[in-house]
Every structure is written in C-alpha cells, then in structure tokens.
Amino acid sequence: MTRGSFDTSPVWDYFTKVDATKAQCKLCKSLNIETIMSRASGQTTSLATHLKAAHEVVYKEYLKKSEQKKRKLEDNKKKCDEEAKKMKTQASNFFRRRSSSVGSIENVEEQVSSSTNLRSDASKSMETLPTLIGAWKQDGPKTLRTNRLILEMIVQDLLPFNHVENTGFRNLIKFLAPAYDMPHRNYFSTKELEACYDEVFAHVKKEISLADFISFTTDGWTASNMKTAILALTAHLLSDQMEPKYRSYVLAAPPLKERHTAENMAKELEKVMQLYEIDKDKVVLVLRDGHTAMIKMASLLEFASFHCFLHIINLCVNDGLYEQETIKKLLEKCKKLVRKVRKSPTLRRDLKAAQKLMELPEHVLIKNTEIRWNSSYEMLNRLEEQRDAVDALCLQHDKLPFILSEEWNVIQMLTQILKPFYDTTIQLQSRNEGISAVVPTYVSLLFTLEVNLATAGLSQMRNKIVAGLKKRMNGWDNNKYLLLSTMLDPRYKLDFFKDKVVKERAKQMLVSEAETMAISIYGMPEEESFDQTVPEISSSFYSMLEAFRTNVDADNPIVSRSSNLNADNPIAPGSSNSNPLSCNPSSVEKINPIEKAHVVIAEYLSTKCISITSNPYKFWQKAPENWKILTKLAKKYLCPPLSTVESERLFSIAGQIMTPLRSLLGDDKLEKLLFLHYNLPKCNNTY
C-alpha cells in the first residue's frame, strides 16, 4: 500500500483502528480475544499477516477483495488516461482555432459562442490535466514541490517534524490538494531535510567562493538541559557590486562534545574551513567574545580578532550599574514593584484606571531581565513615564514598595545616563552597521559622558563606565581594522580621530594598504614610469592631505564636515581640489600604480563626508571607476560586523528548537535546522 492509503484498504473490513499506530482484530474480539496489533509507520502489512496466520479463510477473502480493488483502480486509470488524451486534443483544437482568422461578420456571434464553449472546455482540461498526467504521483513535480514547501515551513516556522501528522494540518492539505499523498514525518526529517540542506549548502559555498574577503563571528552556546552545546560560525561579506548591505550566512553550528578549550574549538572551525574550501588569506577579521579560550582559538587559527563591541558596552554598563549599593537596592525595589503589579490582575486593573484618570499612555510595566542590562533601562524608563500612576497605585495598595521622591530623582538620572547606551545598542544590533561604526560610537559615548552629562549626577557611576570603556578599548588607536574601516567609511573618514598622531597613523596605514592593493591590481610599477611621475604627484598628494588636516578642528572630537553630499553622488560638482587629475580619470590610468594609490586617497579625503544617515556601501557602489583601489579596500575593511549578534541570534533560534518536547533531537538535525532557518531566506528560492 502507498503512504496514507490505509483507510481504503480491504483489510479494514476486519480491523478497527485504535489510534494512529494500533488496530484491533474484529474476528478475535468476537471470540472474546483482545488482539491489538501494532502498525509500523501507519502501514497495513502487519494486519494482513495476522489474518494469514490466525484466520486463513478470511485471509483468502481479503486477497480476493484486494485483487478486485486493484483491477478497478487499473480500469479507472485507463479511463482517466483516455479522458486526458481527449481533453488534450480539445485544448489543442481550441488554441488552433484561436490562431486562425475570423470568418465573415455574419458568423461572428456563432464564433464567439463556439470560442466561449471551447475556452470553458480547455480551462477545465487545463485544471484537471496535471493531476491526470501524473503531476501528483510520488515523484511528480507537484508532489516534490509540495514536499519541499512543507519542509521549508517546518524549518522557517520552527515546527516539529510531527506537525505533518497533526489532524488539522492533514485536513487542510487534503482539502487544498486531494491528490497529494503526504509522506510520513520520517521522510521529512531524513530524505527531504538532507536534500534541502545539500542544495542550500552548495549555494552558500558558491557565494563564499566568489567573495574576495570574508569576516567571521563565532561564539559558543549550551542548551538549558545542559545536554547540547554548539559552536556557531557565521560569515560576512560584501558582493562585487557592493550591494547596500553586507551579506551574512551561517556556515555551521557543530556540536561541542569535548571540553570547550581553545584547541578543541579551533579544531572544529578548521573542519568548517576545509568543508567550504576557504583560503585563510581571504579572512579579514573574526568577531568573538572576550573569553580567554576564544582569544586563544583565533590565535591558533592565525586570524586577527576583535572583541564584540556590544559585549564591551554591556560589561561597562554593568560595571556602573552595580558599582553603588544604593543603585543596586533601588533596582531590586523597582523589580519587586513591577513583579507584583504584573502578577496581580487587581493591580493591573487599578493601574489601568489610574492611567486613564491621569491621561497617561496605557502601557504595562516592563520586567527587568538579569542578563540584559538594557531591560533595566526599559524598566526604569517605563516607571518614570508612569510615575504619577505608579505613585497613586502604591498609595492605594500599601503592600506595594513605595518609591520615594529622592529615589525618583535617581531613576531620572539613571535613565539619562543609560539612554545613550540603550540607543546605541539598538542601532548597532541592526544589520546595517559594520565595524566602521566602532570608533565613532566609542568617541561619541565618551564625549557624551564626560561633557554633555557632566552635570547629570551619579558621577561615581559615570566615572566607572568611562574607565571601563577606556580599559576595554585600550589599543584601539593602533588597531588597523578599526582605523582603516573608519577612514574608508565616507560618513566618518578622519572626523572622529581627535589626536593628530592617530590621524597621521591612520593615513600612513591607508597609504600602505592602498599601495599594496594597487600593485595587486595593476602589477609592479615600471622604473621609467615611476621616475616620470613621482615629483609632481607626490607633492600634490601631501599638499592635499595637509589642506584636509587644516580644515579639521583637532580640539573637537565631533567636527561635522558633512554637507549635501549623499551616497548617490560621491563627488559633488565643484568639490574637486587642486589635484589636476581629480577631474580626469583617464589621466590617472596613465600613471604609476603606486602614485595611483596616492592620487585616489587624496581625492577621497578631499571630498566632504556624506550624511551620517547615508549608506556607505551605496557610496562605494557608485564610486568613480578610477577609485577601484579604494573600492577594493572598502570591500575588505567594511565587511566585518562590529559584534557577534548574528551568532547570538542563532542561539536564540536554537533555544526555540531545543524545547523539552524535542530533547531527543540529534545534534546533526539541529545543525541542519539552524543552517536552513538562517540561510533559506537569503537564497530567495534560487538554491
């Protein structure tokens, strides 16, 4: 019997279904014998075997009925094939008539009527034809496509595989596609999952192989049941077309079955690199957390690495929040108040009544989560918004902890200090920001705390956060990935480098990288060409850099040099400088490769920054052709993200998959589900 056809088998004349996997023999029951048979995977073979062994006469009757049914099915198939052939002929005749010329005007009405009838017949034929010619057979195109769509639904909606056995889902499929014979759940969890994974893996591997530069994020995660631990590896790259957003893929999430040492994790990532055939020279940067094992792992793989910037912010804010005992006690008091209100229907009702009376937004109070400092800000900010309603509620219910006036003042100062960090975290968690935003964000946060919020109160907390930022960002001014990515972001360039020494260091790094890139693109310079061009271009290059330097106020870390420039217009009309080659790209192509690098850097730095809200990738997408040295460098240094958020998103999905009801899910299936959930939407059904 085929899958799903047990309900129509003659064997059910002799058995009663108990549940999806068991049936009771009617003949044995009539003899007062309770015989309940198991049916593996919903099949009827075991039931027929029982009849043969225990009821030989009835078994012969069953075979006769089965043969009759088989002949009837064959006759019906023959009739359907004949009907399909007839309808195909009708459809062919209909389209042939449509293509012929229209007859005389006296027969127009008759022709229209005939065409209408034929169109109706052809429409019916076209509707039933796919089913009749085998589209819904086990290997038919509609069946195969439906199988794949059901698997994609399971993967993307985080459903268990046994969802396909749910009565409601089966009824829906039966109504929408009566001819569809749905496979067992084991088919989806093995054959279909493997096939889909292989196809998407091939697509991702191709994208990785085409990339010039790749950056990684990696992190580890352990399930709440402590039975499953995985190591995530995500890849980030910019396409050749410098699309206005970097692409990211989950490469793997292998299980960590041994100790979580640097050596073991490095070994797992080495396997992934070999699986995708990734050349280590392609790898620009690895984003990881600050754990010693992670730092050592990157070192063992000989990868440059950087601490997730959002982790740094999180650690610094936690240092400040829990530095003072008074703040810790206030947070506990607020948490207790919110917890009581959220749990009590009476308190929630009274709070809502107070909000209506005071014309406040009818918002619920937000609960604090220990591992997320920004939830502390959300809790305090919501309490401050609802201050009058909360005070009224506490007066009405004396068992609630009452927040004193001086405590409200502290809450106000806390939200004022935490808001810049909260806004920064929300913005940087998006997929629109890369590592180029680290230095501007860091400098801006220091400026905000030390200058703008100097009189905000809670100086001990502010000083602790500032000290934490400076300690954890120590060495940023000598990190080429931070300096070059900031310079190659047309929103920032040199504006956020306050120290002249840092500016000069960044310029020298860019010149060195550009010269190397120019040689890789154009080849080594010829000696004659070099002698002819050095004197003129070199002086022009340094004079432009000097002019650029004098236009920036080094005493102000946040000098705004942006204008009406935007990413669609990298070089605005009239913005060219004294360089004679800046408006003549063909002239640049004639000079020495090393000097090409100097010229394009001078041109780039002499233009004003684009708007802070513009898209830097779109800017490079439309950059002049003679800037390809810098465009290639931008593709390299703008591809790293600034955090390990992509890995953490993967862990969030893993937590939703590894529920207590799916505790037996194997590591291999978990990895494939995570891989497909993350990468399927990025394939746009082209895998």
Foldseek 3Di string as FASTA:
>chain_A
DDFPCVVPQPLVVQWADPDQFKIFGNVCVVVVHTDIDGHPQSDCPVSLVCCVVPPVVVSVVSVVVRVVVVVVVVVVLVVLVVVLVVLVVLLVVLVVVVPDDDDDPVCVVVVVVVNVVSVVSNVVSVVCNCVSVPLQPCPHVVQVVVLLVVLLCCLQVLHDLCVCVDPVNVVVCCVVPVSHRDHGSVCSLPVSLVVVLVVLLVVVLVVLVQFQAKEWEWDKDAFPVRPWIWIWIKIWFAHPLLPLFIDMATQFTFTDPDDLALVSVLVVVVVSCVVSVPDPVRYAEYEYAPDPRVVVNCVVVVHHYDYQLLNLLLVLLVQLQPVDPVSVVLLVLLQQQLVVCVVDPVSLVQLQVLCVVVVAPSDRAQHDDPSDVVSSLSNLVVCLSSVVSSQVSCVVPVVRDHQDPVNNLVSVLVNVLCVLVNVVVVVQLDSQAALLCNLVSLLVNLCCLVPVCVPSDSVVSSVSSNVSSCVSCPPVLVDLLRLQLNLLQLQGNCLQPLDPVSNVNSVVSQLVLLLVLLCVVPNAWDPVLCVVPPPPLVVVLVVLVVVLVVVHDSVDNHDAQADQDALQPQADPPQFDPPPCLVPLVVLVSGTSSSLSSVLSSRNSSGTRHHPPHRRSSSLSNDDPSNVSSSVVNSHSRRHHSRSSVVVVLVVSLNSNCDPVPVVDDSVSSTSSSSCNRSVVVCVPVD
